Amino acid sequence: MRMGDLNKMMKQAQKLQAEMARVQEALGAERVEATAGGGVVRALCDGHGELVELAIDPAVVDPGDVAMLADLIRAAVNEAQRSARALAERRMREVTGGLQLPF
């Protein structure tokens, strides 16, 4: 391989790395939402899957059935995190052109 080709490949790799870093940073500002129980529990995550907000309709809070509330919270948070992972994968595929690179 010629030195010019190697330099070109290195510049392309650096550009790709910079673009991936930019996307990772932008994911922190992205938001995905999921609900459970017909919308009585709402979870909002950022593009990294971190829980940003959790809203619970007071009408669903029953001290006699805390387990149901816990299940609804878990379902909403898990779905929001799945959506965040899918969003991150889509954004990275846009950058990498479908290359299977570790994020």
C-alpha atoms as a PDB file:
ATOM      1  CA  MET A   1       0.000   0.000   0.000  1.00  0.00           C
ATOM      2  CA  ARG A   2       1.309   3.411  -0.920  1.00  0.00           C
ATOM      3  CA  MET A   3       1.846   6.099   1.709  1.00  0.00           C
ATOM      4  CA  GLY A   4      -0.693   8.382  -0.002  1.00  0.00           C
ATOM      5  CA  ASP A   5      -3.355   5.674   0.170  1.00  0.00           C
ATOM      6  CA  LEU A   6      -2.558   5.063   3.819  1.00  0.00           C
ATOM      7  CA  ASN A   7      -2.825   8.768   4.626  1.00  0.00           C
ATOM      8  CA  LYS A   8      -6.153   8.958   2.800  1.00  0.00           C
ATOM      9  CA  MET A   9      -7.488   5.965   4.766  1.00  0.00           C
ATOM     10  CA  MET A  10      -6.308   7.501   8.051  1.00  0.00           C
ATOM     11  CA  LYS A  11      -8.074  10.790   7.266  1.00  0.00           C
ATOM     12  CA  GLN A  12     -11.280   8.922   6.388  1.00  0.00           C
ATOM     13  CA  ALA A  13     -11.061   6.946   9.642  1.00  0.00           C
ATOM     14  CA  GLN A  14     -10.523  10.141  11.626  1.00  0.00           C
ATOM     15  CA  LYS A  15     -13.480  11.778   9.899  1.00  0.00           C
ATOM     16  CA  LEU A  16     -15.677   8.760  10.666  1.00  0.00           C
ATOM     17  CA  GLN A  17     -14.539   8.756  14.286  1.00  0.00           C
ATOM     18  CA  ALA A  18     -15.324  12.477  14.634  1.00  0.00           C
ATOM     19  CA  GLU A  19     -18.764  12.010  13.085  1.00  0.00           C
ATOM     20  CA  MET A  20     -19.521   9.075  15.401  1.00  0.00           C
ATOM     21  CA  ALA A  21     -18.500  11.199  18.399  1.00  0.00           C
ATOM     22  CA  ARG A  22     -20.783  13.999  17.189  1.00  0.00           C
ATOM     23  CA  VAL A  23     -23.706  11.563  16.876  1.00  0.00           C
ATOM     24  CA  GLN A  24     -23.036  10.151  20.354  1.00  0.00           C
ATOM     25  CA  GLU A  25     -23.129  13.665  21.790  1.00  0.00           C
ATOM     26  CA  ALA A  26     -26.305  14.532  19.880  1.00  0.00           C
ATOM     27  CA  LEU A  27     -28.012  11.399  21.223  1.00  0.00           C
ATOM     28  CA  GLY A  28     -27.848  12.969  24.670  1.00  0.00           C
ATOM     29  CA  ALA A  29     -30.276  15.639  23.481  1.00  0.00           C
ATOM     30  CA  GLU A  30     -32.629  13.212  21.697  1.00  0.00           C
ATOM     31  CA  ARG A  31     -35.748  12.047  23.547  1.00  0.00           C
ATOM     32  CA  VAL A  32     -37.843   8.896  23.206  1.00  0.00           C
ATOM     33  CA  GLU A  33     -41.054   8.246  25.085  1.00  0.00           C
ATOM     34  CA  ALA A  34     -43.010   5.148  26.017  1.00  0.00           C
ATOM     35  CA  THR A  35     -46.176   4.629  28.000  1.00  0.00           C
ATOM     36  CA  ALA A  36     -47.818   1.764  29.853  1.00  0.00           C
ATOM     37  CA  GLY A  37     -51.261   1.113  31.221  1.00  0.00           C
ATOM     38  CA  GLY A  38     -52.975   3.131  28.531  1.00  0.00           C
ATOM     39  CA  GLY A  39     -50.765   6.137  29.212  1.00  0.00           C
ATOM     40  CA  VAL A  40     -51.016   6.268  33.018  1.00  0.00           C
ATOM     41  CA  VAL A  41     -47.243   5.771  33.252  1.00  0.00           C
ATOM     42  CA  ARG A  42     -44.952   7.660  30.890  1.00  0.00           C
ATOM     43  CA  ALA A  43     -41.178   7.215  30.666  1.00  0.00           C
ATOM     44  CA  LEU A  44     -38.903   9.608  28.793  1.00  0.00           C
ATOM     45  CA  CYS A  45     -35.329   8.561  27.999  1.00  0.00           C
ATOM     46  CA  ASP A  46     -32.504  10.309  26.213  1.00  0.00           C
ATOM     47  CA  GLY A  47     -30.859   8.791  23.158  1.00  0.00           C
ATOM     48  CA  HIS A  48     -28.415   6.907  25.371  1.00  0.00           C
ATOM     49  CA  GLY A  49     -31.256   5.133  27.179  1.00  0.00           C
ATOM     50  CA  GLU A  50     -30.949   7.100  30.405  1.00  0.00           C
ATOM     51  CA  LEU A  51     -34.267   7.782  32.142  1.00  0.00           C
ATOM     52  CA  VAL A  52     -34.861  11.543  31.994  1.00  0.00           C
ATOM     53  CA  GLU A  53     -38.419  11.771  33.252  1.00  0.00           C
ATOM     54  CA  LEU A  54     -41.062   9.499  34.744  1.00  0.00           C
ATOM     55  CA  ALA A  55     -44.686  10.628  34.988  1.00  0.00           C
ATOM     56  CA  ILE A  56     -47.347   8.681  36.872  1.00  0.00           C
ATOM     57  CA  ASP A  57     -51.030   9.543  36.806  1.00  0.00           C
ATOM     58  CA  PRO A  58     -52.097   9.829  40.469  1.00  0.00           C
ATOM     59  CA  ALA A  59     -55.268   7.883  39.657  1.00  0.00           C
ATOM     60  CA  VAL A  60     -53.185   4.721  39.166  1.00  0.00           C
ATOM     61  CA  VAL A  61     -51.485   4.952  42.571  1.00  0.00           C
ATOM     62  CA  ASP A  62     -53.192   2.325  44.712  1.00  0.00           C
ATOM     63  CA  PRO A  63     -51.409   1.605  48.011  1.00  0.00           C
ATOM     64  CA  GLY A  64     -53.032  -1.825  47.958  1.00  0.00           C
ATOM     65  CA  ASP A  65     -51.486  -2.735  44.596  1.00  0.00           C
ATOM     66  CA  VAL A  66     -47.965  -1.372  44.520  1.00  0.00           C
ATOM     67  CA  ALA A  67     -46.852  -4.388  42.461  1.00  0.00           C
ATOM     68  CA  MET A  68     -49.074  -3.338  39.553  1.00  0.00           C
ATOM     69  CA  LEU A  69     -47.630   0.175  39.618  1.00  0.00           C
ATOM     70  CA  ALA A  70     -44.106  -1.249  39.671  1.00  0.00           C
ATOM     71  CA  ASP A  71     -44.959  -3.442  36.657  1.00  0.00           C
ATOM     72  CA  LEU A  72     -46.312  -0.447  34.735  1.00  0.00           C
ATOM     73  CA  ILE A  73     -43.201   1.601  35.535  1.00  0.00           C
ATOM     74  CA  ARG A  74     -40.898  -1.236  34.517  1.00  0.00           C
ATOM     75  CA  ALA A  75     -42.802  -1.746  31.240  1.00  0.00           C
ATOM     76  CA  ALA A  76     -42.693   1.940  30.298  1.00  0.00           C
ATOM     77  CA  VAL A  77     -39.009   2.351  31.172  1.00  0.00           C
ATOM     78  CA  ASN A  78     -37.974  -0.839  29.363  1.00  0.00           C
ATOM     79  CA  GLU A  79     -39.848   0.187  26.214  1.00  0.00           C
ATOM     80  CA  ALA A  80     -38.350   3.685  26.273  1.00  0.00           C
ATOM     81  CA  GLN A  81     -34.865   2.198  26.649  1.00  0.00           C
ATOM     82  CA  ARG A  82     -35.493  -0.210  23.737  1.00  0.00           C
ATOM     83  CA  SER A  83     -36.594   2.754  21.634  1.00  0.00           C
ATOM     84  CA  ALA A  84     -33.448   4.666  22.624  1.00  0.00           C
ATOM     85  CA  ARG A  85     -31.221   1.740  21.578  1.00  0.00           C
ATOM     86  CA  ALA A  86     -33.023   1.517  18.227  1.00  0.00           C
ATOM     87  CA  LEU A  87     -32.620   5.269  17.724  1.00  0.00           C
ATOM     88  CA  ALA A  88     -28.898   5.097  18.500  1.00  0.00           C
ATOM     89  CA  GLU A  89     -28.442   2.188  16.092  1.00  0.00           C
ATOM     90  CA  ARG A  90     -30.253   4.091  13.316  1.00  0.00           C
ATOM     91  CA  ARG A  91     -28.162   7.224  13.871  1.00  0.00           C
ATOM     92  CA  MET A  92     -24.912   5.252  13.832  1.00  0.00           C
ATOM     93  CA  ARG A  93     -25.928   3.307  10.704  1.00  0.00           C
ATOM     94  CA  GLU A  94     -26.471   6.667   8.985  1.00  0.00           C
ATOM     95  CA  VAL A  95     -22.865   7.582   9.817  1.00  0.00           C
ATOM     96  CA  THR A  96     -21.187   4.251   9.133  1.00  0.00           C
ATOM     97  CA  GLY A  97     -23.168   3.306   6.059  1.00  0.00           C
ATOM     98  CA  GLY A  98     -24.185   0.044   7.703  1.00  0.00           C
ATOM     99  CA  LEU A  99     -20.695  -1.075   8.774  1.00  0.00           C
ATOM    100  CA  GLN A 100     -20.867  -3.266  11.868  1.00  0.00           C
ATOM    101  CA  LEU A 101     -18.687  -1.157  14.175  1.00  0.00           C
ATOM    102  CA  PRO A 102     -18.850  -1.274  17.972  1.00  0.00           C
ATOM    103  CA  PHE A 103     -20.355   1.844  19.517  1.00  0.00           C
END
